[in-house]
Amino acid sequence: MLQESAAQAEKARQNNPSVKINSSAMNAYLYLGEFEKFLETLPSNDSVYVLFYHGFGEYYLGEQTEAAHDFARAYDMNPTLLPADIGKALSYAITGDSAKGIRLLHATEDRILKSGVSDAESLYKVAQTYAVLGDKSSAIRMFQSTVEGGFFPSPYFERDPLIDNLRQEPRFKVLMAQARARHEQFKARFF
């Protein structure tokens, strides 16, 4: 329900312009493919979170140099945070060093398992990055954790160019069907 989410976020900011202005992103715009709008709504601070999302929006727009710069700044600030690792791995994709990116993500995934991270939306970012780096089996494994963990905006998944290289994989097709079904169940229940 991405359009509805974006509308509610805008309404919240209209009612209270300072609502989460320093700590949240209007990800619905990112997931709708409205990357410029997404970047416009980001908080104006240099937290790891904001730097990552700024770089992520730039990455989608094809602004690789700018994205790599933001990812590097986030990683330099705190390399132990999940967004910093994801950004750093995407930086390796930008420079053509997929092997380093994959090694970093495997170490990151180990930390995720040990710490019990269960934020399915963040796990999707790991899946996307594995896909960009060419590690399809790891991408699909993390995509499964994403869908099973409760993040299933199938319209976004269906048009996300970062996972295009997974679309012909049989296991991915099964997981996409599950995501669509969960999305439709959610929609029927709440809308």
N, C-alpha and C. Protein backbone atom coordinates (compact mmCIF):
# COMPACT_ATOMS: atom_id res chain seq x y z
N MET A 1 0.84 -1.17 0.00
CA MET A 1 0.00 0.00 0.00
C MET A 1 0.89 1.24 0.00
N LEU A 2 1.73 1.30 -1.00
CA LEU A 2 2.76 2.33 -1.06
C LEU A 2 2.19 3.73 -1.27
N GLN A 3 1.22 3.86 -2.16
CA GLN A 3 0.60 5.19 -2.37
C GLN A 3 -0.04 5.68 -1.08
N GLU A 4 -0.74 4.79 -0.41
CA GLU A 4 -1.40 5.15 0.84
C GLU A 4 -0.37 5.52 1.92
N SER A 5 0.72 4.79 1.96
CA SER A 5 1.78 5.07 2.92
C SER A 5 2.39 6.45 2.67
N ALA A 6 2.67 6.75 1.41
CA ALA A 6 3.24 8.07 1.08
C ALA A 6 2.26 9.18 1.45
N ALA A 7 0.98 8.98 1.17
CA ALA A 7 -0.02 9.99 1.50
C ALA A 7 -0.10 10.21 3.01
N GLN A 8 -0.06 9.14 3.77
CA GLN A 8 -0.12 9.27 5.23
C GLN A 8 1.14 9.95 5.79
N ALA A 9 2.28 9.63 5.23
CA ALA A 9 3.53 10.28 5.67
C ALA A 9 3.48 11.77 5.38
N GLU A 10 2.99 12.14 4.20
CA GLU A 10 2.87 13.56 3.86
C GLU A 10 1.88 14.26 4.80
N LYS A 11 0.78 13.58 5.08
CA LYS A 11 -0.22 14.16 5.98
C LYS A 11 0.37 14.36 7.38
N ALA A 12 1.14 13.40 7.85
CA ALA A 12 1.78 13.53 9.17
C ALA A 12 2.72 14.72 9.20
N ARG A 13 3.51 14.88 8.12
CA ARG A 13 4.44 16.02 8.07
C ARG A 13 3.69 17.34 7.95
N GLN A 14 2.54 17.36 7.27
CA GLN A 14 1.74 18.59 7.19
C GLN A 14 1.17 18.95 8.55
N ASN A 15 0.70 17.94 9.26
CA ASN A 15 0.14 18.18 10.60
C ASN A 15 1.19 18.59 11.61
N ASN A 16 2.38 18.05 11.45
CA ASN A 16 3.48 18.36 12.36
C ASN A 16 4.78 18.29 11.56
N PRO A 17 5.25 19.43 11.03
CA PRO A 17 6.43 19.43 10.16
C PRO A 17 7.69 18.83 10.77
N SER A 18 7.73 18.73 12.08
CA SER A 18 8.94 18.18 12.70
C SER A 18 8.81 16.69 13.02
N VAL A 19 7.70 16.05 12.63
CA VAL A 19 7.51 14.65 12.96
C VAL A 19 8.62 13.81 12.32
N LYS A 20 9.42 13.23 13.16
CA LYS A 20 10.52 12.35 12.76
C LYS A 20 11.39 12.92 11.64
N ILE A 21 11.48 14.23 11.57
CA ILE A 21 12.22 14.88 10.48
C ILE A 21 13.71 14.58 10.54
N ASN A 22 14.22 14.25 11.71
CA ASN A 22 15.65 13.97 11.83
C ASN A 22 15.97 12.48 11.89
N SER A 23 14.95 11.65 11.87
CA SER A 23 15.25 10.23 12.08
C SER A 23 14.54 9.26 11.14
N SER A 24 13.83 9.76 10.16
CA SER A 24 13.14 8.79 9.31
C SER A 24 13.13 9.23 7.86
N ALA A 25 12.98 8.24 7.02
CA ALA A 25 12.89 8.48 5.58
C ALA A 25 11.49 8.06 5.13
N MET A 26 11.00 8.73 4.12
CA MET A 26 9.72 8.34 3.54
C MET A 26 9.98 7.29 2.48
N ASN A 27 10.25 6.06 2.95
CA ASN A 27 10.65 4.99 2.06
C ASN A 27 9.60 4.64 1.01
N ALA A 28 8.35 4.99 1.25
CA ALA A 28 7.32 4.70 0.25
C ALA A 28 7.71 5.33 -1.10
N TYR A 29 8.28 6.51 -1.07
CA TYR A 29 8.71 7.14 -2.33
C TYR A 29 9.81 6.33 -3.01
N LEU A 30 10.73 5.81 -2.21
CA LEU A 30 11.78 4.96 -2.76
C LEU A 30 11.16 3.73 -3.42
N TYR A 31 10.22 3.11 -2.73
CA TYR A 31 9.61 1.89 -3.22
C TYR A 31 8.65 2.12 -4.38
N LEU A 32 8.19 3.35 -4.53
CA LEU A 32 7.36 3.71 -5.68
C LEU A 32 8.21 4.07 -6.90
N GLY A 33 9.52 4.14 -6.70
CA GLY A 33 10.41 4.53 -7.80
C GLY A 33 10.51 6.02 -7.99
N GLU A 34 10.03 6.78 -7.02
CA GLU A 34 10.11 8.25 -7.07
C GLU A 34 11.37 8.69 -6.32
N PHE A 35 12.50 8.43 -6.93
CA PHE A 35 13.79 8.58 -6.26
C PHE A 35 14.11 10.03 -5.93
N GLU A 36 13.82 10.95 -6.83
CA GLU A 36 14.08 12.37 -6.53
C GLU A 36 13.24 12.83 -5.35
N LYS A 37 11.96 12.45 -5.34
CA LYS A 37 11.07 12.82 -4.24
C LYS A 37 11.56 12.20 -2.94
N PHE A 38 12.01 10.96 -3.01
CA PHE A 38 12.56 10.29 -1.84
C PHE A 38 13.73 11.09 -1.28
N LEU A 39 14.65 11.48 -2.15
CA LEU A 39 15.82 12.24 -1.69
C LEU A 39 15.42 13.58 -1.08
N GLU A 40 14.40 14.21 -1.66
CA GLU A 40 13.93 15.50 -1.12
C GLU A 40 13.36 15.38 0.29
N THR A 41 12.83 14.22 0.63
CA THR A 41 12.18 14.05 1.93
C THR A 41 13.12 13.55 3.02
N LEU A 42 14.37 13.25 2.65
CA LEU A 42 15.30 12.76 3.67
C LEU A 42 15.62 13.85 4.69
N PRO A 43 15.81 13.47 5.93
CA PRO A 43 16.24 14.43 6.94
C PRO A 43 17.56 15.08 6.53
N SER A 44 17.80 16.26 7.04
CA SER A 44 19.04 16.97 6.69
C SER A 44 20.04 16.83 7.83
N ASN A 45 20.57 15.62 7.97
CA ASN A 45 21.66 15.40 8.92
C ASN A 45 22.61 14.38 8.31
N ASP A 46 23.71 14.17 8.96
CA ASP A 46 24.73 13.27 8.43
C ASP A 46 24.84 12.00 9.25
N SER A 47 23.71 11.45 9.67
CA SER A 47 23.75 10.18 10.38
C SER A 47 24.07 9.06 9.39
N VAL A 48 24.54 7.95 9.89
CA VAL A 48 24.83 6.80 9.04
C VAL A 48 23.58 6.42 8.25
N TYR A 49 22.45 6.41 8.93
CA TYR A 49 21.18 6.05 8.32
C TYR A 49 20.85 6.97 7.15
N VAL A 50 20.93 8.26 7.36
CA VAL A 50 20.58 9.22 6.31
C VAL A 50 21.60 9.17 5.18
N LEU A 51 22.87 9.07 5.50
CA LEU A 51 23.89 8.98 4.45
C LEU A 51 23.68 7.73 3.58
N PHE A 52 23.37 6.61 4.24
CA PHE A 52 23.10 5.40 3.47
C PHE A 52 21.93 5.62 2.53
N TYR A 53 20.82 6.11 3.06
CA TYR A 53 19.64 6.26 2.22
C TYR A 53 19.85 7.31 1.13
N HIS A 54 20.63 8.32 1.42
CA HIS A 54 20.94 9.31 0.38
C HIS A 54 21.73 8.62 -0.74
N GLY A 55 22.73 7.86 -0.35
CA GLY A 55 23.50 7.11 -1.34
C GLY A 55 22.66 6.10 -2.08
N PHE A 56 21.73 5.47 -1.39
CA PHE A 56 20.87 4.46 -2.01
C PHE A 56 19.97 5.11 -3.08
N GLY A 57 19.42 6.26 -2.76
CA GLY A 57 18.61 6.99 -3.75
C GLY A 57 19.46 7.38 -4.96
N GLU A 58 20.67 7.85 -4.68
CA GLU A 58 21.57 8.21 -5.79
C GLU A 58 21.93 6.98 -6.62
N TYR A 59 22.14 5.87 -5.95
CA TYR A 59 22.47 4.63 -6.66
C TYR A 59 21.36 4.28 -7.65
N TYR A 60 20.13 4.34 -7.19
CA TYR A 60 18.99 4.08 -8.08
C TYR A 60 18.96 5.05 -9.26
N LEU A 61 19.35 6.29 -9.02
CA LEU A 61 19.34 7.29 -10.09
C LEU A 61 20.53 7.17 -11.03
N GLY A 62 21.44 6.26 -10.73
CA GLY A 62 22.62 6.07 -11.57
C GLY A 62 23.74 7.04 -11.26
N GLU A 63 23.64 7.73 -10.15
CA GLU A 63 24.67 8.69 -9.72
C GLU A 63 25.69 7.94 -8.86
N GLN A 64 26.48 7.10 -9.53
CA GLN A 64 27.38 6.18 -8.86
C GLN A 64 28.45 6.86 -8.01
N THR A 65 29.07 7.91 -8.54
CA THR A 65 30.13 8.60 -7.80
C THR A 65 29.57 9.20 -6.51
N GLU A 66 28.44 9.86 -6.61
CA GLU A 66 27.82 10.48 -5.44
C GLU A 66 27.40 9.42 -4.43
N ALA A 67 26.83 8.32 -4.94
CA ALA A 67 26.41 7.24 -4.05
C ALA A 67 27.61 6.67 -3.30
N ALA A 68 28.68 6.40 -4.01
CA ALA A 68 29.88 5.84 -3.39
C ALA A 68 30.42 6.78 -2.31
N HIS A 69 30.36 8.06 -2.56
CA HIS A 69 30.83 9.05 -1.58
C HIS A 69 29.99 8.97 -0.30
N ASP A 70 28.67 8.95 -0.44
CA ASP A 70 27.80 8.86 0.74
C ASP A 70 27.99 7.53 1.47
N PHE A 71 28.10 6.44 0.71
CA PHE A 71 28.32 5.14 1.34
C PHE A 71 29.63 5.13 2.12
N ALA A 72 30.67 5.71 1.55
CA ALA A 72 31.98 5.74 2.23
C ALA A 72 31.90 6.56 3.51
N ARG A 73 31.24 7.69 3.47
CA ARG A 73 31.10 8.51 4.68
C ARG A 73 30.34 7.75 5.77
N ALA A 74 29.28 7.06 5.39
CA ALA A 74 28.51 6.29 6.37
C ALA A 74 29.37 5.19 6.98
N TYR A 75 30.13 4.50 6.14
CA TYR A 75 30.97 3.40 6.62
C TYR A 75 32.08 3.92 7.53
N ASP A 76 32.66 5.04 7.16
CA ASP A 76 33.72 5.62 7.99
C ASP A 76 33.18 6.04 9.36
N MET A 77 31.93 6.45 9.42
CA MET A 77 31.34 6.89 10.69
C MET A 77 31.13 5.72 11.64
N ASN A 78 30.63 4.58 11.11
CA ASN A 78 30.38 3.44 11.98
C ASN A 78 30.23 2.17 11.13
N PRO A 79 31.34 1.47 10.90
CA PRO A 79 31.29 0.29 10.04
C PRO A 79 30.56 -0.91 10.67
N THR A 80 30.11 -0.79 11.89
CA THR A 80 29.40 -1.90 12.52
C THR A 80 27.90 -1.85 12.30
N LEU A 81 27.40 -0.77 11.73
CA LEU A 81 25.96 -0.64 11.49
C LEU A 81 25.58 -1.27 10.16
N LEU A 82 24.45 -1.94 10.13
CA LEU A 82 24.00 -2.65 8.94
C LEU A 82 23.92 -1.75 7.70
N PRO A 83 23.33 -0.55 7.77
CA PRO A 83 23.29 0.28 6.57
C PRO A 83 24.69 0.63 6.05
N ALA A 84 25.64 0.82 6.95
CA ALA A 84 27.00 1.15 6.53
C ALA A 84 27.62 -0.01 5.76
N ASP A 85 27.40 -1.23 6.24
CA ASP A 85 27.93 -2.41 5.55
C ASP A 85 27.28 -2.58 4.17
N ILE A 86 25.98 -2.39 4.11
CA ILE A 86 25.29 -2.54 2.83
C ILE A 86 25.82 -1.51 1.83
N GLY A 87 25.95 -0.28 2.28
CA GLY A 87 26.48 0.77 1.41
C GLY A 87 27.90 0.47 0.95
N LYS A 88 28.72 0.01 1.87
CA LYS A 88 30.11 -0.33 1.51
C LYS A 88 30.13 -1.44 0.46
N ALA A 89 29.28 -2.44 0.64
CA ALA A 89 29.21 -3.53 -0.33
C ALA A 89 28.76 -3.01 -1.70
N LEU A 90 27.79 -2.09 -1.71
CA LEU A 90 27.37 -1.48 -2.98
C LEU A 90 28.51 -0.66 -3.58
N SER A 91 29.33 -0.06 -2.74
CA SER A 91 30.51 0.67 -3.25
C SER A 91 31.45 -0.27 -3.97
N TYR A 92 31.61 -1.46 -3.43
CA TYR A 92 32.44 -2.45 -4.11
C TYR A 92 31.84 -2.82 -5.46
N ALA A 93 30.52 -2.89 -5.54
CA ALA A 93 29.87 -3.15 -6.84
C ALA A 93 30.18 -2.02 -7.82
N ILE A 94 30.15 -0.79 -7.33
CA ILE A 94 30.43 0.37 -8.18
C ILE A 94 31.84 0.31 -8.74
N THR A 95 32.80 -0.11 -7.92
CA THR A 95 34.19 -0.17 -8.35
C THR A 95 34.55 -1.47 -9.05
N GLY A 96 33.57 -2.38 -9.17
CA GLY A 96 33.81 -3.63 -9.87
C GLY A 96 34.50 -4.70 -9.05
N ASP A 97 34.49 -4.56 -7.73
CA ASP A 97 35.13 -5.56 -6.88
C ASP A 97 34.06 -6.36 -6.13
N SER A 98 33.32 -7.13 -6.89
CA SER A 98 32.21 -7.90 -6.32
C SER A 98 32.67 -8.87 -5.24
N ALA A 99 33.83 -9.47 -5.42
CA ALA A 99 34.30 -10.45 -4.44
C ALA A 99 34.45 -9.83 -3.06
N LYS A 100 34.99 -8.63 -2.98
CA LYS A 100 35.10 -7.94 -1.68
C LYS A 100 33.73 -7.64 -1.10
N GLY A 101 32.81 -7.20 -1.95
CA GLY A 101 31.46 -6.90 -1.50
C GLY A 101 30.76 -8.13 -0.95
N ILE A 102 30.92 -9.25 -1.65
CA ILE A 102 30.30 -10.49 -1.19
C ILE A 102 30.89 -10.94 0.13
N ARG A 103 32.22 -10.85 0.27
CA ARG A 103 32.85 -11.22 1.56
C ARG A 103 32.32 -10.34 2.68
N LEU A 104 32.21 -9.06 2.42
CA LEU A 104 31.69 -8.15 3.45
C LEU A 104 30.25 -8.53 3.82
N LEU A 105 29.42 -8.82 2.82
CA LEU A 105 28.03 -9.18 3.12
C LEU A 105 27.93 -10.51 3.86
N HIS A 106 28.79 -11.46 3.54
CA HIS A 106 28.76 -12.73 4.29
C HIS A 106 29.10 -12.48 5.76
N ALA A 107 30.09 -11.64 6.02
CA ALA A 107 30.43 -11.30 7.41
C ALA A 107 29.27 -10.55 8.06
N THR A 108 28.64 -9.67 7.30
CA THR A 108 27.49 -8.92 7.81
C THR A 108 26.35 -9.88 8.13
N GLU A 109 26.10 -10.81 7.24
CA GLU A 109 25.03 -11.78 7.46
C GLU A 109 25.31 -12.62 8.71
N ASP A 110 26.56 -12.99 8.93
CA ASP A 110 26.92 -13.71 10.16
C ASP A 110 26.57 -12.89 11.40
N ARG A 111 26.87 -11.60 11.35
CA ARG A 111 26.53 -10.72 12.48
C ARG A 111 25.02 -10.60 12.66
N ILE A 112 24.29 -10.56 11.55
CA ILE A 112 22.84 -10.50 11.60
C ILE A 112 22.30 -11.73 12.33
N LEU A 113 22.80 -12.90 11.96
CA LEU A 113 22.34 -14.14 12.59
C LEU A 113 22.68 -14.18 14.07
N LYS A 114 23.90 -13.78 14.41
CA LYS A 114 24.33 -13.81 15.81
C LYS A 114 23.56 -12.81 16.67
N SER A 115 23.24 -11.66 16.10
CA SER A 115 22.56 -10.62 16.90
C SER A 115 21.04 -10.74 16.83
N GLY A 116 20.53 -11.59 15.94
CA GLY A 116 19.09 -11.78 15.85
C GLY A 116 18.34 -10.66 15.16
N VAL A 117 19.01 -9.94 14.27
CA VAL A 117 18.34 -8.87 13.53
C VAL A 117 17.16 -9.48 12.78
N SER A 118 16.00 -8.85 12.95
CA SER A 118 14.80 -9.39 12.30
C SER A 118 14.06 -8.34 11.49
N ASP A 119 14.67 -7.22 11.22
CA ASP A 119 14.04 -6.17 10.43
C ASP A 119 14.04 -6.60 8.97
N ALA A 120 12.89 -7.12 8.52
CA ALA A 120 12.80 -7.70 7.18
C ALA A 120 13.08 -6.68 6.09
N GLU A 121 12.75 -5.42 6.32
CA GLU A 121 13.04 -4.39 5.31
C GLU A 121 14.55 -4.23 5.14
N SER A 122 15.29 -4.26 6.23
CA SER A 122 16.75 -4.18 6.14
C SER A 122 17.33 -5.43 5.49
N LEU A 123 16.74 -6.57 5.79
CA LEU A 123 17.21 -7.81 5.18
C LEU A 123 17.02 -7.77 3.67
N TYR A 124 15.98 -7.08 3.22
CA TYR A 124 15.79 -6.94 1.78
C TYR A 124 16.93 -6.15 1.16
N LYS A 125 17.44 -5.15 1.86
CA LYS A 125 18.57 -4.38 1.34
C LYS A 125 19.79 -5.29 1.16
N VAL A 126 19.96 -6.23 2.08
CA VAL A 126 21.05 -7.20 1.96
C VAL A 126 20.81 -8.08 0.73
N ALA A 127 19.57 -8.54 0.55
CA ALA A 127 19.24 -9.36 -0.62
C ALA A 127 19.51 -8.59 -1.91
N GLN A 128 19.10 -7.34 -1.96
CA GLN A 128 19.34 -6.51 -3.15
C GLN A 128 20.83 -6.41 -3.45
N THR A 129 21.60 -6.20 -2.41
CA THR A 129 23.03 -5.99 -2.60
C THR A 129 23.71 -7.28 -3.05
N TYR A 130 23.32 -8.40 -2.46
CA TYR A 130 23.84 -9.68 -2.96
C TYR A 130 23.50 -9.82 -4.44
N ALA A 131 22.28 -9.47 -4.83
CA ALA A 131 21.87 -9.60 -6.24
C ALA A 131 22.74 -8.71 -7.12
N VAL A 132 22.95 -7.48 -6.71
CA VAL A 132 23.78 -6.55 -7.49
C VAL A 132 25.19 -7.11 -7.65
N LEU A 133 25.69 -7.74 -6.61
CA LEU A 133 27.05 -8.29 -6.62
C LEU A 133 27.14 -9.63 -7.36
N GLY A 134 25.99 -10.21 -7.70
CA GLY A 134 25.99 -11.45 -8.48
C GLY A 134 25.91 -12.73 -7.67
N ASP A 135 25.72 -12.64 -6.35
CA ASP A 135 25.60 -13.83 -5.51
C ASP A 135 24.11 -14.17 -5.40
N LYS A 136 23.61 -14.88 -6.42
CA LYS A 136 22.17 -15.15 -6.51
C LYS A 136 21.66 -16.03 -5.37
N SER A 137 22.41 -17.05 -4.99
CA SER A 137 21.91 -17.95 -3.95
C SER A 137 21.78 -17.21 -2.61
N SER A 138 22.74 -16.36 -2.29
CA SER A 138 22.64 -15.59 -1.05
C SER A 138 21.51 -14.56 -1.15
N ALA A 139 21.34 -13.96 -2.33
CA ALA A 139 20.26 -12.99 -2.52
C ALA A 139 18.91 -13.65 -2.30
N ILE A 140 18.74 -14.83 -2.84
CA ILE A 140 17.46 -15.53 -2.70
C ILE A 140 17.24 -15.96 -1.26
N ARG A 141 18.28 -16.41 -0.59
CA ARG A 141 18.17 -16.78 0.82
C ARG A 141 17.72 -15.58 1.66
N MET A 142 18.31 -14.42 1.41
CA MET A 142 17.93 -13.23 2.16
C MET A 142 16.55 -12.72 1.74
N PHE A 143 16.19 -12.90 0.48
CA PHE A 143 14.86 -12.52 0.02
C PHE A 143 13.81 -13.39 0.72
N GLN A 144 14.11 -14.65 0.91
CA GLN A 144 13.19 -15.53 1.65
C GLN A 144 13.01 -15.02 3.08
N SER A 145 14.10 -14.62 3.73
CA SER A 145 14.00 -14.06 5.08
C SER A 145 13.18 -12.78 5.09
N THR A 146 13.28 -12.02 4.02
CA THR A 146 12.53 -10.78 3.89
C THR A 146 11.03 -11.06 3.86
N VAL A 147 10.63 -11.94 2.97
CA VAL A 147 9.20 -12.23 2.81
C VAL A 147 8.65 -12.92 4.05
N GLU A 148 9.38 -13.90 4.55
CA GLU A 148 8.93 -14.61 5.76
C GLU A 148 8.92 -13.69 6.97
N GLY A 149 9.80 -12.68 6.96
CA GLY A 149 9.89 -11.76 8.08
C GLY A 149 8.84 -10.65 8.08
N GLY A 150 8.06 -10.54 7.00
CA GLY A 150 6.96 -9.60 7.00
C GLY A 150 7.12 -8.37 6.13
N PHE A 151 8.10 -8.35 5.26
CA PHE A 151 8.25 -7.24 4.31
C PHE A 151 7.93 -7.80 2.94
N PHE A 152 6.79 -7.41 2.38
CA PHE A 152 6.34 -8.01 1.13
C PHE A 152 5.62 -7.03 0.21
N PRO A 153 6.18 -5.84 -0.02
CA PRO A 153 5.56 -4.91 -0.97
C PRO A 153 5.81 -5.40 -2.41
N SER A 154 5.01 -6.34 -2.84
CA SER A 154 5.27 -6.99 -4.13
C SER A 154 5.31 -6.03 -5.31
N PRO A 155 4.52 -4.93 -5.34
CA PRO A 155 4.68 -4.02 -6.47
C PRO A 155 6.10 -3.44 -6.58
N TYR A 156 6.72 -3.18 -5.44
CA TYR A 156 8.11 -2.72 -5.44
C TYR A 156 9.04 -3.81 -5.93
N PHE A 157 8.88 -5.01 -5.39
CA PHE A 157 9.73 -6.12 -5.81
C PHE A 157 9.64 -6.34 -7.31
N GLU A 158 8.42 -6.21 -7.86
CA GLU A 158 8.21 -6.50 -9.27
C GLU A 158 8.92 -5.52 -10.19
N ARG A 159 9.20 -4.32 -9.71
CA ARG A 159 9.86 -3.34 -10.59
C ARG A 159 11.26 -2.96 -10.12
N ASP A 160 11.73 -3.57 -9.05
CA ASP A 160 13.04 -3.21 -8.50
C ASP A 160 14.16 -3.68 -9.43
N PRO A 161 14.88 -2.76 -10.07
CA PRO A 161 15.94 -3.17 -11.00
C PRO A 161 17.13 -3.83 -10.30
N LEU A 162 17.27 -3.64 -9.00
CA LEU A 162 18.41 -4.22 -8.30
C LEU A 162 18.33 -5.73 -8.20
N ILE A 163 17.14 -6.29 -8.38
CA ILE A 163 17.01 -7.74 -8.30
C ILE A 163 16.63 -8.37 -9.65
N ASP A 164 16.83 -7.63 -10.72
CA ASP A 164 16.47 -8.14 -12.05
C ASP A 164 17.15 -9.47 -12.38
N ASN A 165 18.38 -9.66 -11.92
CA ASN A 165 19.09 -10.89 -12.28
C ASN A 165 18.57 -12.13 -11.52
N LEU A 166 17.60 -11.94 -10.64
CA LEU A 166 17.02 -13.07 -9.92
C LEU A 166 15.72 -13.56 -10.55
N ARG A 167 15.14 -12.78 -11.41
CA ARG A 167 13.76 -13.00 -11.86
C ARG A 167 13.53 -14.35 -12.55
N GLN A 168 14.54 -14.91 -13.17
CA GLN A 168 14.37 -16.20 -13.85
C GLN A 168 14.71 -17.40 -12.97
N GLU A 169 15.13 -17.13 -11.74
CA GLU A 169 15.48 -18.22 -10.83
C GLU A 169 14.20 -18.87 -10.28
N PRO A 170 14.07 -20.19 -10.37
CA PRO A 170 12.85 -20.86 -9.92
C PRO A 170 12.47 -20.56 -8.47
N ARG A 171 13.43 -20.59 -7.56
CA ARG A 171 13.11 -20.33 -6.14
C ARG A 171 12.63 -18.89 -5.96
N PHE A 172 13.21 -17.96 -6.70
CA PHE A 172 12.78 -16.57 -6.61
C PHE A 172 11.33 -16.44 -7.06
N LYS A 173 10.96 -17.13 -8.13
CA LYS A 173 9.58 -17.07 -8.62
C LYS A 173 8.60 -17.55 -7.56
N VAL A 174 8.96 -18.60 -6.85
CA VAL A 174 8.11 -19.11 -5.77
C VAL A 174 7.97 -18.07 -4.67
N LEU A 175 9.09 -17.46 -4.29
CA LEU A 175 9.06 -16.44 -3.24
C LEU A 175 8.28 -15.21 -3.67
N MET A 176 8.38 -14.83 -4.93
CA MET A 176 7.59 -13.70 -5.43
C MET A 176 6.11 -14.02 -5.36
N ALA A 177 5.73 -15.24 -5.67
CA ALA A 177 4.31 -15.63 -5.57
C ALA A 177 3.85 -15.52 -4.12
N GLN A 178 4.69 -15.92 -3.19
CA GLN A 178 4.36 -15.80 -1.76
C GLN A 178 4.22 -14.33 -1.37
N ALA A 179 5.13 -13.50 -1.85
CA ALA A 179 5.06 -12.06 -1.54
C ALA A 179 3.78 -11.45 -2.09
N ARG A 180 3.43 -11.80 -3.32
CA ARG A 180 2.18 -11.29 -3.93
C ARG A 180 0.97 -11.72 -3.11
N ALA A 181 0.95 -12.98 -2.71
CA ALA A 181 -0.18 -13.50 -1.93
C ALA A 181 -0.28 -12.77 -0.59
N ARG A 182 0.83 -12.58 0.07
CA ARG A 182 0.80 -11.87 1.37
C ARG A 182 0.38 -10.43 1.18
N HIS A 183 0.85 -9.80 0.10
CA HIS A 183 0.46 -8.43 -0.21
C HIS A 183 -1.06 -8.36 -0.41
N GLU A 184 -1.60 -9.27 -1.18
CA GLU A 184 -3.05 -9.27 -1.46
C GLU A 184 -3.85 -9.56 -0.19
N GLN A 185 -3.36 -10.45 0.66
CA GLN A 185 -4.04 -10.72 1.93
C GLN A 185 -4.07 -9.47 2.81
N PHE A 186 -2.94 -8.78 2.86
CA PHE A 186 -2.86 -7.55 3.64
C PHE A 186 -3.83 -6.52 3.10
N LYS A 187 -3.83 -6.36 1.78
CA LYS A 187 -4.70 -5.38 1.14
C LYS A 187 -6.18 -5.69 1.41
N ALA A 188 -6.55 -6.96 1.30
CA ALA A 188 -7.95 -7.35 1.53
C ALA A 188 -8.35 -7.14 3.00
N ARG A 189 -7.43 -7.35 3.89
CA ARG A 189 -7.74 -7.22 5.31
C ARG A 189 -7.85 -5.77 5.76
N PHE A 190 -6.99 -4.90 5.23
CA PHE A 190 -6.91 -3.55 5.75
C PHE A 190 -7.44 -2.46 4.82
N PHE A 191 -7.73 -2.79 3.57
CA PHE A 191 -8.18 -1.74 2.65
C PHE A 191 -9.44 -2.13 1.95
